[in-house]
Amino acid sequence: MIKSSSKIGLAFFVRPQFDVDLAKNFFNKVQDSLKEAGIATQVFELPVSTDAEALSLAESVNSHQDLHGLIVVQGTFCDASLILNLASNINLPIMIWATKEQPTGGRLSLNSFCGLNLGAHTLVNAGIKFKGVYGSPGSPAVIKKVTSFARAAGAVKWLKGKRIGLFGHRPSGYYPSNFNEILLRKQFGITVEYLSLSEVFSLAQKMEIKDIQPFINTLVGVEGLEMVSTSKSVQAYLALKELIAQKALDAVAVECWPEFMAGFGGAVCYALSRLNDEGIVAACEADVNGAVTMLLGSYLSSQANFIADLVGAEEEQNQLIFWHCGNGPLSLAAPGTNPVAGVHPNRKTPLAMYFPLKGGPVTVSRLSSDHNGNLRLFLGSGTGIETDLLYSGNSLPIQISGSVEETLDTILCEGIEHHYIVTYGDLTSEFREIAELLGLRMITF
């Protein structure tokens, strides 16, 4: 799996007329809290109190190309020229962190929040994005906000330069797999490489029996499948993996039908399952936006993603039912289950993997395009419920806290695409921050 990490610059503002020592103590506690949260920092120790120092800080920040974002600790009240001079001269996400102080009956020692308030007004009117947070470094709720910002900033920078290989094109009538290549480049920094399925098929045919037999030998239930098609499916996996390495791809979106099964003679479900388990994002039905969403999920989670159809709901249990045809990563199988080799449920062609998915907290997300072509983020969370396999392929009921009926209405009225990305863990805070950083409208459930 992808090992995600964020490195955040850390600076602080003070005005010498306030309690600088107390502000420094706040700054030190922030450093400690970020270290405990596993966030790497580049600390800019010199306090900033003049416009010249703010400009000098901007130069220092810009010299560190490995930073994903900057946290400015609002040590004391300051006028807004400091944050404006800094923010206008760097190109990183900014968080301003103000702290509480104890009432003493005397003069405010820090007046930290007022400084944040002044800065926020200025940045909003200057059209500069930022994140404000208020509270003690010892507050779990505050730390959650800060770490979500840091991880989101890391994800946004990590995405820049990523390459998605589009093998083939979307199936006829599968308009949800359409995507806007220019917007992906502009908002995410992602490029799409167009590749033909014939390139996969040609390379797959060169894979020898001795190379594919070890994979076939590990499959439960394979003896009941037609062996030529089964072998072709494994050949396709090896071919895709080799092409991904050759072309330095970070993810793939594959036209899985009809040509793969009708023209080549094997299903690609097995290949997608294995690739996702190996940390290579792989989406079916040429779903490029789905692959982008999976990249985000892979960065934020230590586990593979499941790309799925929403096939129904159980209103009484408040559950949404997610399913796909056998491309689920084996690492997500429910404990105690034994994944079984099978055929694509509709096309009856090997090779797909049948098993129910494990339970636990999950995030459901989708990078979506609205009717005006603008990108937005569909987002929610719930709890995966372990059950027997509901349908041939892979299945997972997800219990949500909101209303199933309202969620379905939202999906239909908004015209959300039919693929959803299930990522294990409640990552909604991080996804929200990503949406804010990228200017994506959110649709939540």
Protein backbone atom coordinates (compact mmCIF):
# COMPACT_ATOMS: atom_id res chain seq x y z
CA MET A 1 0.00 0.00 0.00
CA ILE A 2 0.97 3.63 -0.45
CA LYS A 3 2.81 5.04 2.54
CA SER A 4 1.50 8.56 2.95
CA SER A 5 3.36 11.28 4.81
CA SER A 6 2.95 15.01 5.17
CA LYS A 7 5.57 17.60 5.95
CA ILE A 8 4.30 20.87 7.26
CA GLY A 9 6.11 24.15 7.80
CA LEU A 10 5.57 25.68 11.24
CA ALA A 11 5.96 29.41 11.97
CA PHE A 12 4.58 31.84 14.51
CA PHE A 13 3.50 35.44 14.74
CA VAL A 14 3.89 37.66 17.79
CA ARG A 15 3.68 41.29 18.74
CA PRO A 16 6.22 42.31 21.40
CA GLN A 17 3.60 44.30 23.37
CA PHE A 18 2.04 40.96 24.40
CA ASP A 19 3.40 38.02 26.41
CA VAL A 20 5.96 36.63 23.97
CA ASP A 21 7.15 33.97 26.41
CA LEU A 22 3.61 32.61 26.76
CA ALA A 23 3.25 32.66 22.97
CA LYS A 24 6.51 30.75 22.63
CA ASN A 25 5.19 28.17 25.07
CA PHE A 26 2.09 27.75 22.89
CA PHE A 27 4.34 27.36 19.83
CA ASN A 28 6.41 24.67 21.56
CA LYS A 29 3.28 22.74 22.55
CA VAL A 30 2.10 22.85 18.94
CA GLN A 31 5.41 21.30 17.87
CA ASP A 32 5.03 18.55 20.45
CA SER A 33 1.43 17.80 19.48
CA LEU A 34 2.32 17.50 15.78
CA LYS A 35 5.20 15.20 16.58
CA GLU A 36 2.92 12.99 18.65
CA ALA A 37 0.42 12.94 15.78
CA GLY A 38 3.13 11.73 13.38
CA ILE A 39 3.24 14.91 11.29
CA ALA A 40 6.74 15.85 10.13
CA THR A 41 7.53 19.55 10.49
CA GLN A 42 10.00 22.11 9.27
CA VAL A 43 10.13 24.60 12.12
CA PHE A 44 10.88 28.25 11.40
CA GLU A 45 12.05 29.29 14.85
CA LEU A 46 12.34 33.07 14.46
CA PRO A 47 9.11 34.80 15.50
CA VAL A 48 7.57 37.10 12.92
CA SER A 49 6.45 40.55 14.06
CA THR A 50 7.18 42.89 11.12
CA ASP A 51 6.31 43.01 7.43
CA ALA A 52 9.97 42.55 6.51
CA GLU A 53 10.15 39.42 8.66
CA ALA A 54 7.00 38.06 7.02
CA LEU A 55 8.55 38.51 3.57
CA SER A 56 11.77 36.88 4.76
CA LEU A 57 9.74 33.95 6.10
CA ALA A 58 8.06 33.58 2.70
CA GLU A 59 11.49 33.27 1.07
CA SER A 60 12.51 30.62 3.60
CA VAL A 61 9.30 28.67 3.10
CA ASN A 62 9.71 28.75 -0.67
CA SER A 63 13.22 27.35 -0.37
CA HIS A 64 11.82 24.14 1.14
CA GLN A 65 10.33 22.34 -1.86
CA ASP A 66 9.33 19.32 0.23
CA LEU A 67 6.68 21.15 2.25
CA HIS A 68 3.02 20.28 1.72
CA GLY A 69 1.52 23.10 3.76
CA LEU A 70 2.23 25.79 6.36
CA ILE A 71 0.80 26.25 9.84
CA VAL A 72 1.09 29.76 11.22
CA VAL A 73 0.75 29.80 14.99
CA GLN A 74 -1.06 33.01 15.96
CA GLY A 75 1.03 33.47 19.09
CA THR A 76 -0.43 36.87 19.89
CA PHE A 77 -2.57 39.51 18.28
CA CYS A 78 -0.94 41.06 15.18
CA ASP A 79 -2.16 43.30 12.44
CA ALA A 80 -3.16 41.52 9.25
CA SER A 81 -0.33 42.81 7.08
CA LEU A 82 1.87 39.98 8.35
CA ILE A 83 -0.35 37.15 7.13
CA LEU A 84 -1.17 39.00 3.91
CA ASN A 85 2.51 39.52 3.07
CA LEU A 86 3.26 35.88 3.84
CA ALA A 87 0.27 34.31 2.10
CA SER A 88 0.65 36.47 -1.02
CA ASN A 89 4.18 35.23 -1.57
CA ILE A 90 3.95 31.46 -1.08
CA ASN A 91 2.03 28.76 -2.91
CA LEU A 92 1.12 26.38 -0.10
CA PRO A 93 -2.09 25.66 1.82
CA ILE A 94 -2.11 27.75 5.00
CA MET A 95 -3.61 27.06 8.40
CA ILE A 96 -3.69 29.75 11.10
CA TRP A 97 -3.88 28.32 14.61
CA ALA A 98 -5.06 30.54 17.48
CA THR A 99 -5.18 29.41 21.09
CA LYS A 100 -7.35 30.00 24.13
CA GLU A 101 -6.07 31.81 27.17
CA GLN A 102 -7.19 31.83 30.77
CA PRO A 103 -9.10 34.89 32.02
CA THR A 104 -7.11 36.67 34.71
CA GLY A 105 -9.22 39.73 35.40
CA GLY A 106 -6.41 41.77 33.87
CA ARG A 107 -5.06 42.49 30.40
CA LEU A 108 -5.26 39.86 27.65
CA SER A 109 -1.89 38.14 27.56
CA LEU A 110 -2.13 36.95 23.95
CA ASN A 111 -5.39 38.03 22.30
CA SER A 112 -4.64 35.24 19.84
CA PHE A 113 -8.11 34.68 18.39
CA CYS A 114 -8.58 38.34 17.58
CA GLY A 115 -5.40 38.16 15.51
CA LEU A 116 -6.82 35.18 13.65
CA ASN A 117 -10.10 37.03 13.13
CA LEU A 118 -8.29 40.03 11.66
CA GLY A 119 -6.20 37.84 9.39
CA ALA A 120 -9.19 35.80 8.24
CA HIS A 121 -11.08 38.93 7.18
CA THR A 122 -8.08 40.09 5.19
CA LEU A 123 -7.40 36.78 3.43
CA VAL A 124 -11.04 36.25 2.53
CA ASN A 125 -11.24 39.69 0.98
CA ALA A 126 -7.95 39.08 -0.83
CA GLY A 127 -9.33 35.84 -2.27
CA ILE A 128 -6.66 33.73 -0.57
CA LYS A 129 -7.67 30.33 0.75
CA PHE A 130 -6.74 29.38 4.30
CA LYS A 131 -7.89 27.23 7.20
CA GLY A 132 -8.46 28.68 10.67
CA VAL A 133 -8.46 26.62 13.85
CA TYR A 134 -8.94 27.73 17.44
CA GLY A 135 -8.09 25.77 20.56
CA SER A 136 -5.47 24.16 22.72
CA PRO A 137 -2.81 21.78 21.34
CA GLY A 138 -4.03 19.38 24.01
CA SER A 139 -7.53 19.15 22.56
CA PRO A 140 -8.18 15.91 20.58
CA ALA A 141 -10.81 17.71 18.48
CA VAL A 142 -8.34 20.45 17.55
CA ILE A 143 -5.59 17.95 16.77
CA LYS A 144 -8.00 16.07 14.51
CA LYS A 145 -8.64 19.26 12.53
CA VAL A 146 -4.93 20.01 12.28
CA THR A 147 -3.89 16.51 11.24
CA SER A 148 -6.74 16.31 8.71
CA PHE A 149 -5.49 19.56 7.16
CA ALA A 150 -1.91 18.30 7.10
CA ARG A 151 -2.83 14.96 5.52
CA ALA A 152 -5.08 16.65 2.97
CA ALA A 153 -2.32 19.07 2.03
CA GLY A 154 -0.01 16.10 1.61
CA ALA A 155 -2.53 14.30 -0.59
CA VAL A 156 -3.08 17.31 -2.85
CA LYS A 157 0.65 17.77 -3.43
CA TRP A 158 1.21 14.03 -3.84
CA LEU A 159 -1.41 13.88 -6.61
CA LYS A 160 0.44 16.42 -8.74
CA GLY A 161 2.27 14.65 -11.53
CA LYS A 162 0.40 11.37 -11.14
CA ARG A 163 -0.26 9.46 -14.37
CA ILE A 164 -3.37 7.38 -15.01
CA GLY A 165 -3.27 4.89 -17.86
CA LEU A 166 -6.59 4.60 -19.68
CA PHE A 167 -6.67 1.22 -21.42
CA GLY A 168 -9.37 1.22 -24.07
CA HIS A 169 -12.42 3.44 -23.67
CA ARG A 170 -15.68 3.42 -21.76
CA PRO A 171 -18.33 0.85 -22.74
CA SER A 172 -21.11 2.13 -24.96
CA GLY A 173 -23.68 4.11 -22.99
CA TYR A 174 -21.51 4.27 -19.87
CA TYR A 175 -21.58 8.05 -19.74
CA PRO A 176 -20.60 8.09 -16.03
CA SER A 177 -17.10 7.09 -17.14
CA ASN A 178 -16.69 10.32 -19.09
CA PHE A 179 -14.13 12.73 -17.67
CA ASN A 180 -12.72 16.19 -18.29
CA GLU A 181 -9.01 15.77 -18.95
CA ILE A 182 -8.29 19.49 -18.80
CA LEU A 183 -9.92 19.90 -15.37
CA LEU A 184 -8.04 16.91 -14.00
CA ARG A 185 -4.80 18.51 -15.12
CA LYS A 186 -5.77 21.96 -13.82
CA GLN A 187 -7.25 21.05 -10.42
CA PHE A 188 -5.32 17.89 -9.56
CA GLY A 189 -2.18 18.00 -11.68
CA ILE A 190 -3.04 14.55 -13.08
CA THR A 191 -2.33 13.44 -16.62
CA VAL A 192 -4.09 10.67 -18.53
CA GLU A 193 -2.16 8.39 -20.88
CA TYR A 194 -4.23 6.75 -23.62
CA LEU A 195 -3.34 3.12 -24.31
CA SER A 196 -4.95 0.47 -26.46
CA LEU A 197 -6.31 -2.84 -25.23
CA SER A 198 -4.54 -4.50 -28.15
CA GLU A 199 -1.25 -3.61 -26.46
CA VAL A 200 -2.38 -5.52 -23.37
CA PHE A 201 -3.66 -8.47 -25.38
CA SER A 202 -0.49 -8.71 -27.47
CA LEU A 203 1.79 -8.72 -24.43
CA ALA A 204 -0.50 -11.10 -22.53
CA GLN A 205 -0.26 -13.72 -25.30
CA LYS A 206 3.51 -13.81 -24.76
CA MET A 207 3.19 -14.83 -21.11
CA GLU A 208 4.20 -18.46 -20.77
CA ILE A 209 2.45 -21.22 -18.86
CA LYS A 210 5.31 -21.47 -16.40
CA ASP A 211 4.73 -17.81 -15.49
CA ILE A 212 0.99 -18.08 -14.97
CA GLN A 213 0.69 -21.53 -13.40
CA PRO A 214 1.87 -20.47 -9.90
CA PHE A 215 -0.99 -17.92 -9.75
CA ILE A 216 -3.58 -20.44 -10.93
CA ASN A 217 -2.39 -23.01 -8.39
CA THR A 218 -3.25 -20.66 -5.49
CA LEU A 219 -6.90 -20.22 -6.53
CA VAL A 220 -9.64 -22.10 -4.71
CA GLY A 221 -12.33 -23.48 -7.03
CA VAL A 222 -10.31 -22.98 -10.21
CA GLU A 223 -10.69 -26.62 -11.18
CA GLY A 224 -14.31 -25.97 -12.11
CA LEU A 225 -13.48 -23.17 -14.55
CA GLU A 226 -12.68 -23.22 -18.26
CA MET A 227 -8.88 -23.20 -18.22
CA VAL A 228 -8.11 -21.30 -21.42
CA SER A 229 -10.05 -18.23 -20.29
CA THR A 230 -8.70 -18.56 -16.76
CA SER A 231 -5.15 -18.57 -18.10
CA LYS A 232 -5.88 -15.55 -20.27
CA SER A 233 -7.09 -13.63 -17.20
CA VAL A 234 -3.82 -14.32 -15.39
CA GLN A 235 -1.87 -13.41 -18.53
CA ALA A 236 -3.74 -10.09 -18.63
CA TYR A 237 -2.76 -9.38 -15.03
CA LEU A 238 0.92 -9.97 -15.78
CA ALA A 239 0.72 -7.90 -18.96
CA LEU A 240 -0.95 -4.97 -17.23
CA LYS A 241 1.58 -5.06 -14.43
CA GLU A 242 4.46 -4.99 -16.91
CA LEU A 243 2.95 -2.14 -18.92
CA ILE A 244 2.31 -0.13 -15.75
CA ALA A 245 6.00 -0.44 -14.88
CA GLN A 246 7.17 0.31 -18.42
CA LYS A 247 5.07 3.44 -18.75
CA ALA A 248 5.54 4.63 -15.13
CA LEU A 249 1.81 4.71 -14.41
CA ASP A 250 0.42 5.43 -10.96
CA ALA A 251 -3.06 4.06 -11.67
CA VAL A 252 -5.09 2.46 -14.44
CA ALA A 253 -8.67 2.61 -15.66
CA VAL A 254 -9.47 -0.37 -17.85
CA GLU A 255 -12.24 -1.02 -20.33
CA CYS A 256 -13.22 -4.33 -18.77
CA TRP A 257 -16.00 -5.19 -21.18
CA PRO A 258 -17.07 -6.07 -23.78
CA GLU A 259 -13.76 -6.28 -25.65
CA PHE A 260 -11.78 -7.89 -22.86
CA MET A 261 -14.11 -10.87 -22.66
CA ALA A 262 -15.50 -10.95 -26.17
CA GLY A 263 -12.27 -10.20 -28.03
CA PHE A 264 -9.53 -11.44 -25.72
CA GLY A 265 -11.40 -14.26 -24.04
CA GLY A 266 -10.72 -13.60 -20.37
CA ALA A 267 -12.09 -11.26 -17.70
CA VAL A 268 -9.93 -8.54 -16.17
CA CYS A 269 -11.59 -8.71 -12.71
CA TYR A 270 -8.80 -10.89 -11.31
CA ALA A 271 -6.14 -8.49 -12.58
CA LEU A 272 -7.81 -5.47 -10.99
CA SER A 273 -8.17 -7.34 -7.70
CA ARG A 274 -4.48 -8.22 -7.56
CA LEU A 275 -3.23 -4.82 -8.73
CA ASN A 276 -5.19 -3.01 -6.03
CA ASP A 277 -3.81 -5.38 -3.42
CA GLU A 278 -0.31 -4.58 -4.65
CA GLY A 279 -0.83 -0.85 -4.17
CA ILE A 280 -1.52 -0.06 -7.84
CA VAL A 281 -4.88 1.68 -8.15
CA ALA A 282 -6.98 -0.08 -10.77
CA ALA A 283 -10.51 0.93 -11.77
CA CYS A 284 -12.86 -0.89 -14.11
CA GLU A 285 -15.16 0.33 -16.91
CA ALA A 286 -12.57 2.94 -17.94
CA ASP A 287 -13.58 5.04 -14.93
CA VAL A 288 -10.86 7.68 -14.73
CA ASN A 289 -12.59 9.84 -12.10
CA GLY A 290 -13.08 6.68 -10.07
CA ALA A 291 -9.35 6.02 -10.31
CA VAL A 292 -8.60 9.55 -9.08
CA THR A 293 -10.87 8.96 -6.07
CA MET A 294 -9.10 5.66 -5.42
CA LEU A 295 -5.73 7.41 -5.51
CA LEU A 296 -6.92 9.74 -2.75
CA GLY A 297 -8.26 6.81 -0.74
CA SER A 298 -4.99 4.94 -1.17
CA TYR A 299 -3.00 7.92 0.09
CA LEU A 300 -5.19 8.38 3.16
CA SER A 301 -5.64 4.71 4.03
CA SER A 302 -3.21 1.88 4.64
CA GLN A 303 -5.58 -0.50 2.87
CA ALA A 304 -6.81 -1.16 -0.65
CA ASN A 305 -9.98 0.47 -2.00
CA PHE A 306 -13.09 -1.25 -3.32
CA ILE A 307 -14.71 0.27 -6.42
CA ALA A 308 -18.36 -0.76 -6.39
CA ASP A 309 -21.84 -0.28 -7.71
CA LEU A 310 -24.61 0.75 -5.33
CA VAL A 311 -27.16 -1.96 -6.10
CA GLY A 312 -29.83 -1.38 -3.49
CA ALA A 313 -30.71 -0.55 0.09
CA GLU A 314 -32.40 -1.99 3.16
CA GLU A 315 -34.43 0.82 4.67
CA GLU A 316 -35.24 -0.97 7.94
CA GLN A 317 -31.56 -1.64 8.66
CA ASN A 318 -30.52 1.74 7.25
CA GLN A 319 -28.06 0.03 4.94
CA LEU A 320 -26.75 0.72 1.46
CA ILE A 321 -25.76 -2.38 -0.50
CA PHE A 322 -22.52 -2.20 -2.49
CA TRP A 323 -21.43 -4.88 -4.96
CA HIS A 324 -19.13 -5.58 -7.84
CA CYS A 325 -18.49 -8.46 -10.17
CA GLY A 326 -15.36 -9.96 -8.62
CA ASN A 327 -12.65 -7.29 -8.68
CA GLY A 328 -12.49 -6.84 -4.89
CA PRO A 329 -8.96 -6.90 -3.39
CA LEU A 330 -8.41 -10.18 -1.54
CA SER A 331 -7.01 -8.28 1.45
CA LEU A 332 -10.53 -6.94 2.09
CA ALA A 333 -12.17 -10.37 2.39
CA ALA A 334 -14.25 -10.90 5.52
CA PRO A 335 -12.42 -12.90 8.21
CA GLY A 336 -13.13 -16.61 8.02
CA THR A 337 -14.15 -16.52 4.37
CA ASN A 338 -12.24 -18.22 1.59
CA PRO A 339 -12.19 -16.29 -1.70
CA VAL A 340 -13.30 -18.56 -4.52
CA ALA A 341 -12.40 -18.31 -8.21
CA GLY A 342 -15.44 -17.72 -10.39
CA VAL A 343 -16.73 -16.24 -13.61
CA HIS A 344 -17.87 -12.75 -14.42
CA PRO A 345 -21.50 -12.96 -13.22
CA ASN A 346 -23.01 -11.51 -16.40
CA ARG A 347 -20.62 -12.60 -19.14
CA LYS A 348 -19.88 -16.03 -17.59
CA THR A 349 -16.17 -15.69 -18.39
CA PRO A 350 -13.36 -16.37 -15.89
CA LEU A 351 -11.64 -14.97 -13.90
CA ALA A 352 -13.36 -13.18 -11.02
CA MET A 353 -12.95 -13.56 -7.27
CA TYR A 354 -16.01 -14.25 -5.12
CA PHE A 355 -16.11 -13.23 -1.45
CA PRO A 356 -17.91 -10.87 0.93
CA LEU A 357 -15.95 -7.91 2.26
CA LYS A 358 -14.94 -7.38 5.86
CA GLY A 359 -16.80 -5.03 8.16
CA GLY A 360 -15.71 -1.93 10.02
CA PRO A 361 -15.76 1.86 9.64
CA VAL A 362 -15.66 2.94 6.01
CA THR A 363 -15.71 6.09 3.91
CA VAL A 364 -17.70 6.22 0.68
CA SER A 365 -16.53 8.81 -1.83
CA ARG A 366 -16.69 9.73 -5.48
CA LEU A 367 -15.11 12.46 -7.60
CA SER A 368 -18.12 13.45 -9.67
CA SER A 369 -18.91 15.78 -12.56
CA ASP A 370 -22.05 17.92 -12.45
CA HIS A 371 -24.21 18.85 -15.43
CA ASN A 372 -22.10 21.96 -16.02
CA GLY A 373 -18.92 19.92 -16.13
CA ASN A 374 -17.63 21.15 -12.76
CA LEU A 375 -15.97 18.66 -10.41
CA ARG A 376 -17.49 17.91 -7.01
CA LEU A 377 -17.03 15.35 -4.24
CA PHE A 378 -19.69 12.93 -3.06
CA LEU A 379 -18.84 11.90 0.50
CA GLY A 380 -20.20 9.95 3.44
CA SER A 381 -19.29 7.34 6.00
CA GLY A 382 -20.76 4.32 7.68
CA THR A 383 -20.01 0.87 9.04
CA GLY A 384 -19.48 -2.14 6.83
CA ILE A 385 -21.57 -5.11 8.01
CA GLU A 386 -20.13 -8.59 7.57
CA THR A 387 -22.58 -10.97 5.93
CA ASP A 388 -22.54 -13.98 3.69
CA LEU A 389 -21.98 -13.21 0.03
CA LEU A 390 -25.14 -11.49 -1.18
CA TYR A 391 -24.54 -11.85 -4.93
CA SER A 392 -21.92 -13.46 -7.16
CA GLY A 393 -18.78 -11.34 -6.96
CA ASN A 394 -18.12 -9.11 -3.94
CA SER A 395 -20.64 -7.49 -1.62
CA LEU A 396 -20.75 -5.24 1.44
CA PRO A 397 -23.78 -3.72 3.18
CA ILE A 398 -22.90 -0.37 4.77
CA GLN A 399 -24.97 0.97 7.62
CA ILE A 400 -25.18 4.75 7.61
CA SER A 401 -26.28 7.17 10.31
CA GLY A 402 -28.47 9.29 8.05
CA SER A 403 -31.60 8.37 6.19
CA VAL A 404 -31.24 5.80 3.41
CA GLU A 405 -34.23 7.28 1.60
CA GLU A 406 -32.76 10.79 1.66
CA THR A 407 -29.36 9.48 0.56
CA LEU A 408 -30.86 7.70 -2.44
CA ASP A 409 -32.86 10.82 -3.31
CA THR A 410 -29.67 12.90 -3.18
CA ILE A 411 -27.80 10.46 -5.41
CA LEU A 412 -30.55 10.43 -8.00
CA CYS A 413 -31.35 14.14 -7.93
CA GLU A 414 -27.69 15.14 -8.12
CA GLY A 415 -26.97 12.59 -10.85
CA ILE A 416 -24.04 10.94 -9.07
CA GLU A 417 -22.16 8.39 -11.17
CA HIS A 418 -22.81 4.70 -10.51
CA HIS A 419 -19.35 3.83 -9.15
CA TYR A 420 -18.47 4.53 -5.51
CA ILE A 421 -15.14 4.09 -3.77
CA VAL A 422 -15.23 2.30 -0.41
CA THR A 423 -12.17 3.07 1.71
CA TYR A 424 -11.69 1.56 5.15
CA GLY A 425 -11.59 4.00 8.05
CA ASP A 426 -13.51 7.19 8.72
CA LEU A 427 -11.59 9.61 6.51
CA THR A 428 -14.35 12.15 5.98
CA SER A 429 -12.40 14.93 7.74
CA GLU A 430 -9.45 14.47 5.39
CA PHE A 431 -11.68 14.28 2.30
CA ARG A 432 -13.47 17.47 3.37
CA GLU A 433 -10.16 19.28 3.66
CA ILE A 434 -9.11 18.00 0.24
CA ALA A 435 -12.35 19.30 -1.24
CA GLU A 436 -11.71 22.70 0.34
CA LEU A 437 -8.13 22.84 -0.96
CA LEU A 438 -9.18 21.86 -4.48
CA GLY A 439 -12.32 23.98 -4.62
CA LEU A 440 -14.71 21.04 -4.97
CA ARG A 441 -18.36 21.37 -4.02
CA MET A 442 -19.30 18.65 -1.55
CA ILE A 443 -22.41 16.49 -1.57
CA THR A 444 -22.65 14.62 1.70
CA PHE A 445 -24.81 11.93 3.23
